[in-house]
Amino acid sequence: MSGKKGTEVPYSGTKVPKTLSKELTADAYHRMIAGALRAELAQARWAVKTVMQWTGASERTVKNWFQGKKGPSGLHLILLAAHSDTVLDGVLTMARRDRYRRQGNDPAAPY
């Protein structure tokens, strides 16, 4: 069997510019979630248990969110945003979608 050795296909694709990647880091996301949860539930005695009920996440997971060690992903993030305007605003701000943020405290206000 003879085969050609050392043949490689040259990379000919184009690079897509990364506009958010320099500013949007996992650490910044974790801090935003922690700050939003603390702002929303700072006075609540049962803040961790409240977030557990909202999301179905474990106690350890929610404590990690409050401490900024980790951040929610996927379904947990959607469930948090459904219950917390502060989390929703933070996510929209990080995604540079401020124009979709709710104005005022009116629940009937358009996005």
C-alpha atoms as a PDB file:
ATOM      1  CA  MET A   1       0.000   0.000   0.000  1.00  0.00           C
ATOM      2  CA  SER A   2       1.402   3.277  -0.950  1.00  0.00           C
ATOM      3  CA  GLY A   3      -0.081   6.532   0.192  1.00  0.00           C
ATOM      4  CA  LYS A   4       1.084  10.068   0.064  1.00  0.00           C
ATOM      5  CA  LYS A   5       2.629  11.203   3.291  1.00  0.00           C
ATOM      6  CA  GLY A   6       2.610  14.699   4.529  1.00  0.00           C
ATOM      7  CA  THR A   7      -0.255  15.984   2.433  1.00  0.00           C
ATOM      8  CA  GLU A   8      -2.310  18.562   4.243  1.00  0.00           C
ATOM      9  CA  VAL A   9      -5.231  20.607   3.145  1.00  0.00           C
ATOM     10  CA  PRO A  10      -4.326  24.277   3.559  1.00  0.00           C
ATOM     11  CA  TYR A  11      -6.627  26.425   5.670  1.00  0.00           C
ATOM     12  CA  SER A  12      -8.376  28.831   3.366  1.00  0.00           C
ATOM     13  CA  GLY A  13     -11.229  30.087   5.545  1.00  0.00           C
ATOM     14  CA  THR A  14     -11.738  33.605   6.723  1.00  0.00           C
ATOM     15  CA  LYS A  15     -11.596  34.652  10.314  1.00  0.00           C
ATOM     16  CA  VAL A  16     -14.751  36.111  11.785  1.00  0.00           C
ATOM     17  CA  PRO A  17     -14.072  39.107  14.008  1.00  0.00           C
ATOM     18  CA  LYS A  18     -14.828  38.510  17.663  1.00  0.00           C
ATOM     19  CA  THR A  19     -16.528  41.645  18.893  1.00  0.00           C
ATOM     20  CA  LEU A  20     -17.835  40.541  22.282  1.00  0.00           C
ATOM     21  CA  SER A  21     -15.219  37.948  23.184  1.00  0.00           C
ATOM     22  CA  LYS A  22     -12.719  40.456  24.586  1.00  0.00           C
ATOM     23  CA  GLU A  23     -15.263  41.973  26.974  1.00  0.00           C
ATOM     24  CA  LEU A  24     -17.485  38.987  27.650  1.00  0.00           C
ATOM     25  CA  THR A  25     -15.707  36.523  29.891  1.00  0.00           C
ATOM     26  CA  ALA A  26     -16.971  33.710  32.070  1.00  0.00           C
ATOM     27  CA  ASP A  27     -15.766  35.574  35.150  1.00  0.00           C
ATOM     28  CA  ALA A  28     -17.670  38.722  34.164  1.00  0.00           C
ATOM     29  CA  TYR A  29     -20.783  36.616  33.583  1.00  0.00           C
ATOM     30  CA  HIS A  30     -20.445  34.937  36.989  1.00  0.00           C
ATOM     31  CA  ARG A  31     -20.028  38.331  38.697  1.00  0.00           C
ATOM     32  CA  MET A  32     -23.051  39.748  36.859  1.00  0.00           C
ATOM     33  CA  ILE A  33     -25.272  36.852  37.963  1.00  0.00           C
ATOM     34  CA  ALA A  34     -24.039  37.070  41.558  1.00  0.00           C
ATOM     35  CA  GLY A  35     -24.619  40.827  41.653  1.00  0.00           C
ATOM     36  CA  ALA A  36     -28.066  40.549  40.088  1.00  0.00           C
ATOM     37  CA  LEU A  37     -29.173  37.836  42.509  1.00  0.00           C
ATOM     38  CA  ARG A  38     -27.870  39.773  45.492  1.00  0.00           C
ATOM     39  CA  ALA A  39     -29.549  42.970  44.308  1.00  0.00           C
ATOM     40  CA  GLU A  40     -32.855  41.204  43.719  1.00  0.00           C
ATOM     41  CA  LEU A  41     -32.887  39.084  46.866  1.00  0.00           C
ATOM     42  CA  ALA A  42     -30.584  40.913  49.289  1.00  0.00           C
ATOM     43  CA  GLN A  43     -33.295  41.390  51.904  1.00  0.00           C
ATOM     44  CA  ALA A  44     -34.844  37.947  51.521  1.00  0.00           C
ATOM     45  CA  ARG A  45     -34.120  35.560  54.379  1.00  0.00           C
ATOM     46  CA  TRP A  46     -34.585  32.596  52.105  1.00  0.00           C
ATOM     47  CA  ALA A  47     -32.756  33.865  49.017  1.00  0.00           C
ATOM     48  CA  VAL A  48     -31.039  30.564  48.187  1.00  0.00           C
ATOM     49  CA  LYS A  49     -34.218  28.554  48.713  1.00  0.00           C
ATOM     50  CA  THR A  50     -36.182  31.035  46.581  1.00  0.00           C
ATOM     51  CA  VAL A  51     -33.765  30.623  43.670  1.00  0.00           C
ATOM     52  CA  MET A  52     -33.844  26.846  44.174  1.00  0.00           C
ATOM     53  CA  GLN A  53     -37.635  26.956  43.799  1.00  0.00           C
ATOM     54  CA  TRP A  54     -37.411  29.172  40.708  1.00  0.00           C
ATOM     55  CA  THR A  55     -34.895  26.964  38.926  1.00  0.00           C
ATOM     56  CA  GLY A  56     -34.948  23.482  40.430  1.00  0.00           C
ATOM     57  CA  ALA A  57     -31.175  23.731  40.951  1.00  0.00           C
ATOM     58  CA  SER A  58     -29.458  22.231  43.982  1.00  0.00           C
ATOM     59  CA  GLU A  59     -28.533  24.270  47.037  1.00  0.00           C
ATOM     60  CA  ARG A  60     -24.782  24.000  46.338  1.00  0.00           C
ATOM     61  CA  THR A  61     -25.307  25.155  42.741  1.00  0.00           C
ATOM     62  CA  VAL A  62     -27.331  28.202  43.801  1.00  0.00           C
ATOM     63  CA  LYS A  63     -24.779  29.101  46.487  1.00  0.00           C
ATOM     64  CA  ASN A  64     -22.072  29.008  43.804  1.00  0.00           C
ATOM     65  CA  TRP A  65     -24.147  31.457  41.739  1.00  0.00           C
ATOM     66  CA  PHE A  66     -24.516  33.825  44.717  1.00  0.00           C
ATOM     67  CA  GLN A  67     -20.765  33.628  45.414  1.00  0.00           C
ATOM     68  CA  GLY A  68     -19.868  34.288  41.770  1.00  0.00           C
ATOM     69  CA  LYS A  69     -17.963  31.006  41.435  1.00  0.00           C
ATOM     70  CA  LYS A  70     -20.219  29.696  38.689  1.00  0.00           C
ATOM     71  CA  GLY A  71     -23.090  30.953  36.569  1.00  0.00           C
ATOM     72  CA  PRO A  72     -26.283  29.316  35.406  1.00  0.00           C
ATOM     73  CA  SER A  73     -26.483  27.924  31.908  1.00  0.00           C
ATOM     74  CA  GLY A  74     -29.275  26.932  29.595  1.00  0.00           C
ATOM     75  CA  LEU A  75     -32.597  26.242  31.256  1.00  0.00           C
ATOM     76  CA  HIS A  76     -31.497  27.581  34.648  1.00  0.00           C
ATOM     77  CA  LEU A  77     -30.618  30.940  33.103  1.00  0.00           C
ATOM     78  CA  ILE A  78     -33.979  31.130  31.332  1.00  0.00           C
ATOM     79  CA  LEU A  79     -35.842  30.262  34.532  1.00  0.00           C
ATOM     80  CA  LEU A  80     -33.873  32.876  36.474  1.00  0.00           C
ATOM     81  CA  ALA A  81     -34.603  35.526  33.856  1.00  0.00           C
ATOM     82  CA  ALA A  82     -38.303  34.584  33.957  1.00  0.00           C
ATOM     83  CA  HIS A  83     -38.421  35.386  37.680  1.00  0.00           C
ATOM     84  CA  SER A  84     -35.815  38.132  38.038  1.00  0.00           C
ATOM     85  CA  ASP A  85     -35.894  41.387  36.094  1.00  0.00           C
ATOM     86  CA  THR A  86     -32.407  42.155  37.407  1.00  0.00           C
ATOM     87  CA  VAL A  87     -30.961  38.964  35.889  1.00  0.00           C
ATOM     88  CA  LEU A  88     -32.816  39.591  32.626  1.00  0.00           C
ATOM     89  CA  ASP A  89     -31.493  43.160  32.438  1.00  0.00           C
ATOM     90  CA  GLY A  90     -27.962  41.948  33.173  1.00  0.00           C
ATOM     91  CA  VAL A  91     -28.068  39.324  30.423  1.00  0.00           C
ATOM     92  CA  LEU A  92     -29.452  41.804  27.897  1.00  0.00           C
ATOM     93  CA  THR A  93     -26.819  44.360  28.852  1.00  0.00           C
ATOM     94  CA  MET A  94     -23.984  41.839  28.487  1.00  0.00           C
ATOM     95  CA  ALA A  95     -25.385  40.839  25.078  1.00  0.00           C
ATOM     96  CA  ARG A  96     -25.564  44.525  24.080  1.00  0.00           C
ATOM     97  CA  ARG A  97     -29.318  44.277  23.667  1.00  0.00           C
ATOM     98  CA  ASP A  98     -30.211  47.138  26.002  1.00  0.00           C
ATOM     99  CA  ARG A  99     -32.954  48.306  23.683  1.00  0.00           C
ATOM    100  CA  TYR A 100     -34.989  45.238  24.683  1.00  0.00           C
ATOM    101  CA  ARG A 101     -34.825  45.980  28.390  1.00  0.00           C
ATOM    102  CA  ARG A 102     -38.039  46.710  30.199  1.00  0.00           C
ATOM    103  CA  GLN A 103     -38.573  50.371  30.975  1.00  0.00           C
ATOM    104  CA  GLY A 104     -39.810  51.106  34.490  1.00  0.00           C
ATOM    105  CA  ASN A 105     -41.468  48.621  36.796  1.00  0.00           C
ATOM    106  CA  ASP A 106     -44.662  48.184  34.817  1.00  0.00           C
ATOM    107  CA  PRO A 107     -45.083  44.435  34.126  1.00  0.00           C
ATOM    108  CA  ALA A 108     -47.272  45.270  31.143  1.00  0.00           C
ATOM    109  CA  ALA A 109     -44.605  47.504  29.610  1.00  0.00           C
ATOM    110  CA  PRO A 110     -43.374  46.382  26.203  1.00  0.00           C
ATOM    111  CA  TYR A 111     -39.795  45.168  25.872  1.00  0.00           C
END
